[in-house]
N, C-alpha and C. Protein backbone atom coordinates (compact mmCIF):
# COMPACT_ATOMS: atom_id res chain seq x y z
N UNK A 1 155.04 52.65 61.82
CA UNK A 1 154.96 51.39 62.52
C UNK A 1 154.09 51.58 63.76
N UNK A 2 153.31 50.57 64.08
CA UNK A 2 152.52 50.55 65.30
C UNK A 2 152.76 49.19 65.96
N UNK A 3 152.86 49.19 67.28
CA UNK A 3 153.10 47.97 68.04
C UNK A 3 151.82 47.65 68.80
N UNK A 4 151.33 46.40 68.67
CA UNK A 4 150.05 46.05 69.28
C UNK A 4 150.10 44.67 69.95
N UNK A 5 149.16 44.44 70.85
CA UNK A 5 148.97 43.13 71.46
C UNK A 5 148.03 42.31 70.57
N UNK A 6 147.84 41.05 70.91
CA UNK A 6 146.98 40.17 70.13
C UNK A 6 145.56 40.71 70.04
N UNK A 7 145.06 41.30 71.12
CA UNK A 7 143.69 41.82 71.14
C UNK A 7 143.47 42.97 70.16
N UNK A 8 144.50 43.73 69.84
CA UNK A 8 144.32 44.95 69.08
C UNK A 8 144.90 44.91 67.67
N UNK A 9 145.14 43.72 67.13
CA UNK A 9 145.67 43.60 65.76
C UNK A 9 144.70 44.21 64.75
N UNK A 10 143.41 43.91 64.87
CA UNK A 10 142.43 44.44 63.90
C UNK A 10 142.41 45.97 63.91
N UNK A 11 142.45 46.56 65.09
CA UNK A 11 142.44 48.02 65.18
C UNK A 11 143.71 48.60 64.56
N UNK A 12 144.84 47.95 64.80
CA UNK A 12 146.10 48.41 64.22
C UNK A 12 146.10 48.31 62.71
N UNK A 13 145.54 47.23 62.18
CA UNK A 13 145.50 47.06 60.73
C UNK A 13 144.66 48.13 60.05
N UNK A 14 143.66 48.64 60.75
CA UNK A 14 142.79 49.66 60.18
C UNK A 14 143.50 51.00 59.97
N UNK A 15 144.57 51.26 60.72
CA UNK A 15 145.22 52.57 60.62
C UNK A 15 146.47 52.55 59.75
N UNK A 16 146.85 51.39 59.22
CA UNK A 16 148.05 51.29 58.39
C UNK A 16 147.66 50.90 56.97
N UNK A 17 148.17 51.65 56.01
CA UNK A 17 147.91 51.36 54.60
C UNK A 17 148.87 50.29 54.12
N UNK A 18 148.37 49.24 53.48
CA UNK A 18 149.16 48.10 53.00
C UNK A 18 150.06 47.54 54.12
N UNK A 19 149.45 47.04 55.18
CA UNK A 19 150.25 46.62 56.35
C UNK A 19 151.03 45.33 56.13
N UNK A 20 152.15 45.25 56.82
CA UNK A 20 152.95 44.04 56.93
C UNK A 20 153.07 43.76 58.42
N UNK A 21 153.00 42.49 58.79
CA UNK A 21 152.98 42.11 60.19
C UNK A 21 154.26 41.35 60.54
N UNK A 22 154.87 41.73 61.66
CA UNK A 22 156.06 41.04 62.17
C UNK A 22 155.73 40.55 63.58
N UNK A 23 155.80 39.24 63.80
CA UNK A 23 155.59 38.67 65.11
C UNK A 23 156.80 38.98 65.99
N UNK A 24 156.58 39.51 67.17
CA UNK A 24 157.68 39.79 68.09
C UNK A 24 158.11 38.47 68.72
N UNK A 25 159.35 38.10 68.53
CA UNK A 25 159.86 36.81 69.02
C UNK A 25 159.94 36.80 70.55
N UNK A 26 160.02 35.61 71.12
CA UNK A 26 160.16 35.48 72.57
C UNK A 26 161.43 36.17 73.06
N UNK A 27 162.49 36.08 72.28
CA UNK A 27 163.75 36.73 72.66
C UNK A 27 163.57 38.25 72.69
N UNK A 28 162.90 38.80 71.68
CA UNK A 28 162.64 40.25 71.66
C UNK A 28 161.76 40.66 72.84
N UNK A 29 160.80 39.81 73.18
CA UNK A 29 159.91 40.11 74.31
C UNK A 29 160.68 40.14 75.61
N UNK A 30 161.65 39.21 75.78
CA UNK A 30 162.43 39.15 77.02
C UNK A 30 163.32 40.36 77.19
N UNK A 31 163.96 40.79 76.10
CA UNK A 31 164.94 41.87 76.20
C UNK A 31 164.37 43.24 75.85
N UNK A 32 163.25 43.28 75.16
CA UNK A 32 162.65 44.55 74.75
C UNK A 32 161.61 45.02 75.75
N UNK A 33 161.11 46.20 75.50
CA UNK A 33 160.09 46.77 76.37
C UNK A 33 158.94 47.27 75.51
N UNK A 34 158.54 46.47 74.51
CA UNK A 34 157.49 46.88 73.59
C UNK A 34 156.12 46.73 74.23
N UNK A 35 155.36 47.80 74.22
CA UNK A 35 154.00 47.81 74.76
C UNK A 35 153.02 48.12 73.65
N UNK A 36 151.82 47.54 73.76
CA UNK A 36 150.75 47.83 72.80
C UNK A 36 150.45 49.32 72.85
N UNK A 37 150.41 49.96 71.70
CA UNK A 37 150.16 51.39 71.65
C UNK A 37 148.69 51.74 71.82
N UNK A 38 147.85 50.74 71.96
CA UNK A 38 146.42 50.99 72.20
C UNK A 38 146.08 50.81 73.68
N UNK A 39 146.55 49.69 74.29
CA UNK A 39 146.17 49.41 75.68
C UNK A 39 147.35 49.39 76.65
N UNK A 40 148.58 49.54 76.17
CA UNK A 40 149.79 49.58 76.99
C UNK A 40 150.16 48.25 77.65
N UNK A 41 149.59 47.14 77.16
CA UNK A 41 149.97 45.81 77.64
C UNK A 41 151.15 45.31 76.81
N UNK A 42 151.69 44.14 77.16
CA UNK A 42 152.82 43.56 76.42
C UNK A 42 152.42 43.35 74.96
N UNK A 43 153.27 43.79 74.05
CA UNK A 43 152.97 43.70 72.62
C UNK A 43 153.38 42.35 72.04
N UNK A 44 152.65 41.89 71.02
CA UNK A 44 152.93 40.64 70.34
C UNK A 44 153.31 40.84 68.87
N UNK A 45 152.92 41.96 68.28
CA UNK A 45 153.11 42.20 66.85
C UNK A 45 153.61 43.61 66.58
N UNK A 46 154.40 43.75 65.52
CA UNK A 46 154.76 45.05 64.98
C UNK A 46 154.10 45.14 63.61
N UNK A 47 153.34 46.18 63.37
CA UNK A 47 152.66 46.38 62.10
C UNK A 47 153.38 47.49 61.35
N UNK A 48 153.81 47.21 60.13
CA UNK A 48 154.58 48.15 59.32
C UNK A 48 153.77 48.62 58.13
N UNK A 49 154.06 49.82 57.67
CA UNK A 49 153.50 50.34 56.44
C UNK A 49 154.36 49.87 55.28
N UNK A 50 153.78 49.45 54.19
CA UNK A 50 154.50 48.88 53.05
C UNK A 50 155.26 49.93 52.24
N UNK A 51 154.79 51.17 52.21
CA UNK A 51 155.33 52.16 51.29
C UNK A 51 156.83 52.42 51.40
N UNK A 52 157.45 52.54 52.57
CA UNK A 52 158.90 52.80 52.57
C UNK A 52 159.70 51.72 51.84
N UNK A 53 159.36 50.45 52.02
CA UNK A 53 160.08 49.38 51.32
C UNK A 53 159.82 49.46 49.82
N UNK A 54 158.58 49.74 49.43
CA UNK A 54 158.23 49.79 48.02
C UNK A 54 158.98 50.93 47.33
N UNK A 55 159.07 52.11 47.97
CA UNK A 55 159.76 53.25 47.38
C UNK A 55 161.25 52.92 47.21
N UNK A 56 161.84 52.25 48.18
CA UNK A 56 163.25 51.89 48.09
C UNK A 56 163.49 50.95 46.92
N UNK A 57 162.61 49.96 46.73
CA UNK A 57 162.75 49.04 45.62
C UNK A 57 162.62 49.75 44.29
N UNK A 58 161.69 50.69 44.19
CA UNK A 58 161.50 51.42 42.94
C UNK A 58 162.75 52.22 42.60
N UNK A 59 163.38 52.84 43.58
CA UNK A 59 164.61 53.61 43.34
C UNK A 59 165.72 52.69 42.86
N UNK A 60 165.79 51.48 43.40
CA UNK A 60 166.81 50.53 43.01
C UNK A 60 166.61 50.08 41.56
N UNK A 61 165.37 49.86 41.17
CA UNK A 61 165.06 49.40 39.82
C UNK A 61 165.34 50.49 38.79
N UNK A 62 164.99 51.72 39.13
CA UNK A 62 165.18 52.86 38.21
C UNK A 62 166.64 53.21 38.20
């Protein structure tokens, strides 16, 4: 997972294979301390790698 601000979404997407994007809600922003991992400003998005979820689903099916 990588946490990024609006300015750095494209850069974050380049480093994650099969990315999934989660918008950080206003409530999470108020209570959390998430910073962009590129510029250290307030983060707006969490970018996830798809593989852990896919592997879990495959194990469930098999």
